[in-house]
Amino acid sequence: MTGRDAPSPNPPHLGRSEAKAARRSALLRSAAGLFAERGFAGVSMEDLGTAVGMSGPAVYRHFPSKQAVLAALLVGVSQDLLDGGTREVEQAPDSDRALRSLVTFHVAFALDDPDVIRIQDHDLDSLAPDDRRAVRTLQRRYVERWVDVLTTLHPTIPATELRVRALAGFGLINSTSHSTSLGRNEAGTPDREAVRSTLERMALAALLAA
């Protein structure tokens, strides 16, 4: 989401703490769009403030630095993926359903947050070392959720190969974030449902192959 369509950072009906959280959320959404479009180095704190109708100095009330904004985006989404993936597995009645739920969950993430995927690909090295390690640790744990499920479905296949399958599945799904537009329906408008269905079928075919 860009600054042009970001919601008001301080809705009048919210209390002080809620308004502060809303401003922080608006900053993160705008930062995702700006970082994805221009790259981390091409965006200033002033740019982030302008995108949500704040002055540059006011942004520092929420984040001590531009690098902290990047960390909030990438560490935050990595934690969300791990938490969401864990929840999908724990709620599934069996391993087959767990895998299908994981695929549905990750496809929804890729379609909802393509900017974050592009930032991860281009600007991970711009994080401070501790934040970069946190992202990689969380992502490894997320991958292992997939590997655990795949192991029960393919007990004779080595875990190293199943890990490759999981990573390849992510690559297939996440590649959508680099497309200039989604697939289009007969009316010529983006067809999210068609893209979602295609990605889910292709990912499952790769992950379940004998």
Protein backbone atom coordinates (compact mmCIF):
# COMPACT_ATOMS: atom_id res chain seq x y z
CA MET A 1 0.00 0.00 0.00
CA THR A 2 1.39 3.41 -0.89
CA GLY A 3 1.03 6.67 0.94
CA ARG A 4 -1.65 7.76 -1.51
CA ASP A 5 -4.11 5.12 -0.36
CA ALA A 6 -2.95 4.66 3.23
CA PRO A 7 -5.66 5.29 5.84
CA SER A 8 -5.52 8.33 8.09
CA PRO A 9 -2.73 7.77 10.63
CA ASN A 10 -4.82 9.22 13.46
CA PRO A 11 -8.54 8.38 13.11
CA PRO A 12 -10.57 10.73 15.33
CA HIS A 13 -12.58 7.98 17.02
CA LEU A 14 -9.54 6.27 18.56
CA GLY A 15 -8.06 6.78 22.03
CA ARG A 16 -4.47 7.93 22.46
CA SER A 17 -2.88 4.47 22.61
CA GLU A 18 -5.04 3.20 19.76
CA ALA A 19 -4.21 6.26 17.68
CA LYS A 20 -0.50 5.70 18.27
CA ALA A 21 -0.84 2.07 17.16
CA ALA A 22 -2.81 3.21 14.10
CA ARG A 23 -0.10 5.71 13.14
CA ARG A 24 2.58 3.06 13.53
CA SER A 25 0.59 0.62 11.40
CA ALA A 26 0.06 3.27 8.73
CA LEU A 27 3.78 4.01 8.68
CA LEU A 28 4.60 0.34 8.20
CA ARG A 29 2.11 -0.08 5.37
CA SER A 30 3.43 2.99 3.60
CA ALA A 31 7.02 1.91 4.22
CA ALA A 32 6.32 -1.46 2.60
CA GLY A 33 5.08 0.22 -0.55
CA LEU A 34 7.90 2.75 -0.68
CA PHE A 35 10.70 0.28 0.06
CA ALA A 36 9.33 -2.14 -2.54
CA GLU A 37 9.09 0.61 -5.15
CA ARG A 38 12.31 2.54 -4.50
CA GLY A 39 14.47 0.21 -2.44
CA PHE A 40 15.50 0.77 1.17
CA ALA A 41 18.29 3.18 0.25
CA GLY A 42 15.95 5.29 -1.88
CA VAL A 43 13.55 6.18 0.94
CA SER A 44 14.11 8.68 3.72
CA MET A 45 12.37 9.10 7.06
CA GLU A 46 10.92 12.30 5.63
CA ASP A 47 9.43 10.27 2.77
CA LEU A 48 7.83 7.89 5.26
CA GLY A 49 6.30 10.74 7.22
CA THR A 50 5.03 12.52 4.13
CA ALA A 51 3.31 9.34 2.95
CA VAL A 52 1.06 9.37 6.03
CA GLY A 53 0.80 13.12 6.58
CA MET A 54 3.45 13.36 9.30
CA SER A 55 6.65 15.37 9.53
CA GLY A 56 9.95 13.52 9.31
CA PRO A 57 10.82 14.20 12.98
CA ALA A 58 7.42 12.87 14.06
CA VAL A 59 8.30 9.47 12.56
CA TYR A 60 11.05 9.14 15.19
CA ARG A 61 8.40 8.98 17.89
CA HIS A 62 7.49 5.56 16.51
CA PHE A 63 10.78 4.26 15.11
CA PRO A 64 14.30 5.31 16.14
CA SER A 65 15.66 4.84 12.61
CA LYS A 66 14.78 3.79 9.09
CA GLN A 67 16.54 0.49 9.79
CA ALA A 68 14.13 -0.07 12.69
CA VAL A 69 11.22 0.35 10.28
CA LEU A 70 12.71 -2.30 8.01
CA ALA A 71 13.21 -4.61 10.98
CA ALA A 72 9.61 -4.15 12.11
CA LEU A 73 8.46 -5.15 8.63
CA LEU A 74 10.68 -8.19 8.05
CA VAL A 75 10.93 -9.56 11.59
CA GLY A 76 7.22 -8.96 12.05
CA VAL A 77 6.15 -10.79 8.91
CA SER A 78 8.53 -13.68 9.66
CA GLN A 79 6.97 -14.08 13.11
CA ASP A 80 3.47 -13.87 11.60
CA LEU A 81 4.32 -16.62 9.11
CA LEU A 82 5.67 -18.89 11.83
CA ASP A 83 2.70 -18.28 14.11
CA GLY A 84 0.19 -18.71 11.30
CA GLY A 85 1.86 -21.82 9.91
CA THR A 86 2.01 -23.38 13.37
CA ARG A 87 -1.68 -22.65 13.89
CA GLU A 88 -2.63 -24.21 10.54
CA VAL A 89 -0.75 -27.41 11.37
CA GLU A 90 -2.11 -27.68 14.90
CA GLN A 91 -5.71 -27.21 13.76
CA ALA A 92 -5.56 -29.68 10.86
CA PRO A 93 -7.10 -33.14 11.41
CA ASP A 94 -4.34 -34.95 9.49
CA SER A 95 -1.10 -34.33 7.59
CA ASP A 96 -2.73 -34.10 4.18
CA ARG A 97 -5.09 -31.39 5.41
CA ALA A 98 -2.20 -29.68 7.21
CA LEU A 99 -0.20 -29.42 4.00
CA ARG A 100 -3.16 -28.07 2.05
CA SER A 101 -3.83 -25.53 4.80
CA LEU A 102 -0.18 -24.44 4.77
CA VAL A 103 -0.30 -23.93 1.02
CA THR A 104 -3.55 -21.94 1.24
CA PHE A 105 -2.08 -19.86 4.07
CA HIS A 106 1.14 -19.06 2.20
CA VAL A 107 -0.61 -18.26 -1.08
CA ALA A 108 -2.84 -15.79 0.77
CA PHE A 109 0.27 -14.18 2.26
CA ALA A 110 1.93 -13.88 -1.16
CA LEU A 111 -1.15 -12.27 -2.68
CA ASP A 112 -1.79 -9.95 0.27
CA ASP A 113 1.80 -8.84 0.97
CA PRO A 114 3.80 -8.86 -2.28
CA ASP A 115 5.67 -5.71 -1.25
CA VAL A 116 7.15 -7.44 1.79
CA ILE A 117 8.36 -10.33 -0.35
CA ARG A 118 10.11 -7.93 -2.71
CA ILE A 119 11.72 -6.12 0.24
CA GLN A 120 12.92 -9.43 1.68
CA ASP A 121 14.51 -10.33 -1.65
CA HIS A 122 16.23 -6.98 -2.20
CA ASP A 123 16.93 -5.48 1.21
CA LEU A 124 17.44 -8.24 3.78
CA ASP A 125 21.13 -7.33 3.99
CA SER A 126 20.18 -3.78 4.98
CA LEU A 127 19.01 -5.08 8.37
CA ALA A 128 21.24 -4.86 11.42
CA PRO A 129 23.04 -8.19 12.03
CA ASP A 130 20.86 -9.14 15.02
CA ASP A 131 17.66 -8.43 13.13
CA ARG A 132 18.91 -10.34 10.10
CA ARG A 133 19.65 -13.35 12.30
CA ALA A 134 16.18 -13.08 13.86
CA VAL A 135 14.53 -13.13 10.42
CA ARG A 136 16.56 -16.13 9.30
CA THR A 137 15.89 -18.02 12.53
CA LEU A 138 12.13 -17.44 12.30
CA GLN A 139 12.10 -18.43 8.64
CA ARG A 140 14.04 -21.64 9.29
CA ARG A 141 11.52 -22.57 11.96
CA TYR A 142 8.69 -21.87 9.48
CA VAL A 143 10.32 -24.11 6.88
CA GLU A 144 10.61 -26.89 9.46
CA ARG A 145 6.84 -26.76 10.06
CA TRP A 146 6.46 -27.68 6.40
CA VAL A 147 9.18 -30.32 6.54
CA ASP A 148 7.57 -31.99 9.56
CA VAL A 149 4.28 -32.32 7.66
CA LEU A 150 5.98 -33.51 4.47
CA THR A 151 7.90 -36.13 6.44
CA THR A 152 4.67 -37.79 7.55
CA LEU A 153 3.41 -37.80 3.96
CA HIS A 154 6.72 -38.97 2.43
CA PRO A 155 8.34 -41.09 5.17
CA THR A 156 10.87 -42.66 2.79
CA ILE A 157 12.19 -39.37 1.38
CA PRO A 158 15.15 -37.78 3.23
CA ALA A 159 14.42 -34.61 5.16
CA THR A 160 17.06 -32.75 3.13
CA GLU A 161 15.06 -33.38 -0.07
CA LEU A 162 11.79 -32.45 1.60
CA ARG A 163 13.39 -29.20 2.73
CA VAL A 164 14.33 -28.49 -0.88
CA ARG A 165 10.74 -29.19 -1.90
CA ALA A 166 9.40 -26.78 0.70
CA LEU A 167 11.79 -24.02 -0.37
CA ALA A 168 10.97 -24.63 -4.02
CA GLY A 169 7.28 -24.37 -3.16
CA PHE A 170 7.89 -21.01 -1.52
CA GLY A 171 9.78 -19.86 -4.59
CA LEU A 172 6.91 -20.83 -6.85
CA ILE A 173 4.31 -19.09 -4.71
CA ASN A 174 6.38 -16.00 -3.90
CA SER A 175 7.29 -15.42 -7.54
CA THR A 176 3.85 -13.88 -7.99
CA SER A 177 5.05 -10.84 -6.06
CA HIS A 178 7.41 -9.98 -8.94
CA SER A 179 4.70 -10.05 -11.62
CA THR A 180 3.61 -6.70 -13.00
CA SER A 181 -0.02 -7.74 -12.61
CA LEU A 182 -2.14 -10.70 -11.61
CA GLY A 183 -3.80 -12.90 -14.18
CA ARG A 184 -6.79 -11.27 -15.84
CA ASN A 185 -10.31 -12.50 -16.37
CA GLU A 186 -12.50 -12.09 -19.45
CA ALA A 187 -13.30 -8.51 -18.46
CA GLY A 188 -9.60 -7.68 -18.46
CA THR A 189 -9.41 -7.04 -14.71
CA PRO A 190 -7.07 -8.81 -12.26
CA ASP A 191 -8.47 -12.22 -11.32
CA ARG A 192 -7.16 -12.94 -7.83
CA GLU A 193 -9.21 -16.11 -7.45
CA ALA A 194 -7.78 -17.63 -10.63
CA VAL A 195 -4.24 -16.83 -9.53
CA ARG A 196 -4.87 -18.22 -6.05
CA SER A 197 -6.30 -21.45 -7.42
CA THR A 198 -3.46 -21.92 -9.91
CA LEU A 199 -0.76 -21.30 -7.31
CA GLU A 200 -2.34 -23.72 -4.85
CA ARG A 201 -2.68 -26.49 -7.45
CA MET A 202 0.89 -26.06 -8.72
CA ALA A 203 2.41 -25.94 -5.23
CA LEU A 204 0.53 -29.04 -4.09
CA ALA A 205 1.49 -30.95 -7.22
CA ALA A 206 5.17 -30.23 -6.56
CA LEU A 207 5.02 -30.97 -2.84
CA LEU A 208 3.00 -34.19 -3.17
CA ALA A 209 4.90 -35.67 -6.13
CA ALA A 210 5.97 -39.25 -5.51
